[in-house]
Amino acid sequence: MTSMIYKNRITIDPKIMVGKPVVAGTRIPVDLVLGKLARNVDVDALLRDYPRLTREDIQAVLQYAHDILKGEEVYPTA
């Protein structure tokens, strides 16, 4: 999946969840999905708990997080 595809699936709108990135067409925040995946919640359970979420949405969340982090600049202080 390329970043162009996730841009259709991840939206940022100040009127929705105070501008937090969410899965498009939902109020499911990107950080909620990432947090559940980080806690090793099974993808099938995640899809059951959030029926509007799709596997493609989860992949878009991961790609979005990757793209945000790969652009992060780190400056050593020591």
Protein backbone atom coordinates (compact mmCIF):
# COMPACT_ATOMS: atom_id res chain seq x y z
CA MET A 1 0.00 0.00 0.00
CA THR A 2 1.39 3.39 -0.88
CA SER A 3 0.93 6.55 1.08
CA MET A 4 -1.41 7.83 -1.64
CA ILE A 5 -3.87 5.09 -0.75
CA TYR A 6 -3.84 5.78 2.99
CA LYS A 7 -4.60 9.42 2.27
CA ASN A 8 -8.03 8.25 1.10
CA ARG A 9 -8.51 6.25 4.31
CA ILE A 10 -7.04 8.50 7.01
CA THR A 11 -8.51 11.96 7.49
CA ILE A 12 -7.80 14.92 9.72
CA ASP A 13 -10.66 17.33 10.27
CA PRO A 14 -10.85 19.79 13.17
CA LYS A 15 -14.60 19.09 13.38
CA ILE A 16 -14.05 15.34 13.93
CA MET A 17 -12.39 14.18 17.17
CA VAL A 18 -10.82 17.65 17.56
CA GLY A 19 -8.61 17.07 14.51
CA LYS A 20 -7.08 13.75 15.53
CA PRO A 21 -6.30 11.49 12.55
CA VAL A 22 -9.19 9.04 12.12
CA VAL A 23 -10.20 6.30 9.75
CA ALA A 24 -12.20 8.06 7.02
CA GLY A 25 -15.95 7.94 7.44
CA THR A 26 -15.65 6.95 11.12
CA ARG A 27 -14.73 8.42 14.45
CA ILE A 28 -12.14 5.69 15.01
CA PRO A 29 -8.84 7.42 15.85
CA VAL A 30 -5.60 6.15 14.36
CA ASP A 31 -4.02 6.05 17.82
CA LEU A 32 -6.80 3.78 19.11
CA VAL A 33 -6.10 1.23 16.37
CA LEU A 34 -2.34 1.47 16.91
CA GLY A 35 -2.75 1.07 20.66
CA LYS A 36 -4.83 -2.05 20.28
CA LEU A 37 -2.37 -3.56 17.82
CA ALA A 38 0.49 -2.67 20.19
CA ARG A 39 -1.32 -4.56 22.96
CA ASN A 40 -1.48 -7.55 20.62
CA VAL A 41 -5.25 -7.42 20.10
CA ASP A 42 -6.10 -9.88 17.34
CA VAL A 43 -7.02 -8.20 14.06
CA ASP A 44 -10.18 -10.32 13.76
CA ALA A 45 -11.24 -9.22 17.27
CA LEU A 46 -10.55 -5.61 16.33
CA LEU A 47 -12.71 -5.99 13.23
CA ARG A 48 -15.51 -7.54 15.33
CA ASP A 49 -15.32 -4.76 17.92
CA TYR A 50 -15.32 -2.04 15.24
CA PRO A 51 -17.54 -3.30 12.39
CA ARG A 52 -16.93 -0.20 10.25
CA LEU A 53 -13.19 -0.93 10.27
CA THR A 54 -11.70 -3.02 7.46
CA ARG A 55 -8.39 -4.81 7.01
CA GLU A 56 -7.48 -2.15 4.46
CA ASP A 57 -8.17 0.53 7.08
CA ILE A 58 -5.82 -1.21 9.52
CA GLN A 59 -3.14 -1.40 6.84
CA ALA A 60 -3.67 2.31 6.13
CA VAL A 61 -3.26 3.12 9.84
CA LEU A 62 0.05 1.24 9.90
CA GLN A 63 1.27 2.94 6.72
CA TYR A 64 0.26 6.35 8.07
CA ALA A 65 2.20 5.75 11.30
CA HIS A 66 5.21 4.53 9.32
CA ASP A 67 5.20 7.60 7.08
CA ILE A 68 4.91 9.94 10.08
CA LEU A 69 7.83 8.28 11.85
CA LYS A 70 10.08 7.95 8.84
CA GLY A 71 9.93 11.73 8.42
CA GLU A 72 10.87 12.33 12.05
CA GLU A 73 14.27 13.94 12.51
CA VAL A 74 16.32 12.96 15.54
CA TYR A 75 19.12 15.14 16.84
CA PRO A 76 21.57 13.51 19.27
CA THR A 77 22.13 15.61 22.38
CA ALA A 78 25.12 13.78 23.77
